[in-house]
Amino acid sequence: MLTTLIVADQPLLADRVEAALLLGWPMGVFQHETKGSSAAAAVNDDIGLVVLDLGIESRDALDALAVVRRHSAVPILAISEDARGSDREQSLGLGADELVRRSFSPIELLARAKAIVGHHRASSVDDRLPASCDGGGLALDVAARRVRVGDATVRLSRPELILMSCLIAGEGRVVPLRSLTARLWNRDENATAYLRLYVRRLREEIEADPDLPRYLLTERGVGYRLIVPEMGREPPRSATMGSCLVNRLRLA
């Protein structure tokens, strides 16, 4: 059984992480470290996930993140007080797969942890995505893991990148729930709830008003579709999993 490495110098935070993961986590063995330097040295083939608190000392944490990523492809989930500010840009830029706010709920932590571990396992089989997509007002750059909406550019986590790629490849058609959830959570019983969390997060990143979305629309009970109004047409309302797997670009 693989081990989850939790790096945090606040015992309460470390306990919250472990308690949340124990609700539905297949890796029931935990290892704790309180310093970034010792955490970097602790990563080996037995570690299946690293949960890293960026608050341990931001420079120490970021240095450890960079060292771990240089030597290992282990999934890394960073925890930050501000998951949308400079911590997001720096941690994702240095190789973190996902970022979660320190005020996370248990289901949110599980959703993000399972997404990056599920993607990591699947990537060794087939992880072909569109190299780039440009729909006028919205453009996705897979290599840079960035989405541009108008004049604003946002760096995406790996799960967000996969979902955006599938939605953009759908060309405005509805992408079924099962197609989206299968990409990251396979047959997990909570996959639909996890997807809703990610859709909400994506709307916070790309929509002017997440409660009144302009781009990422819900087809209740069916799936989601991404509409770029500048395309100037109303698309058909069906899409398949195959639309996500095009152009044969392997995500690094």
Foldseek 3Di string as FASTA:
>chain_A
DAEEEEEAQDPVLVVQLLVLCVVPPPHNHYDYHHWLVVVLVPDDPRHQEYEFECPSDVVRRLVSLLSNVVPDLHAYEYEYQDCADPCVVSNVVSPHQYYDYSPDDSVQSVLVRQQRSQLVVCLVPADAFDCKADDDQWIAHQQQCWIHGHNDIGHHHNLLNLLVRLQRLQVFAFEFQQLSLCNGNNVPVCSSVSVVVSLLVVLVVHPPDSVDRDAWDDDPPGGIHGDDCVNPDRDYHDDYSVSGHDDRDRRD
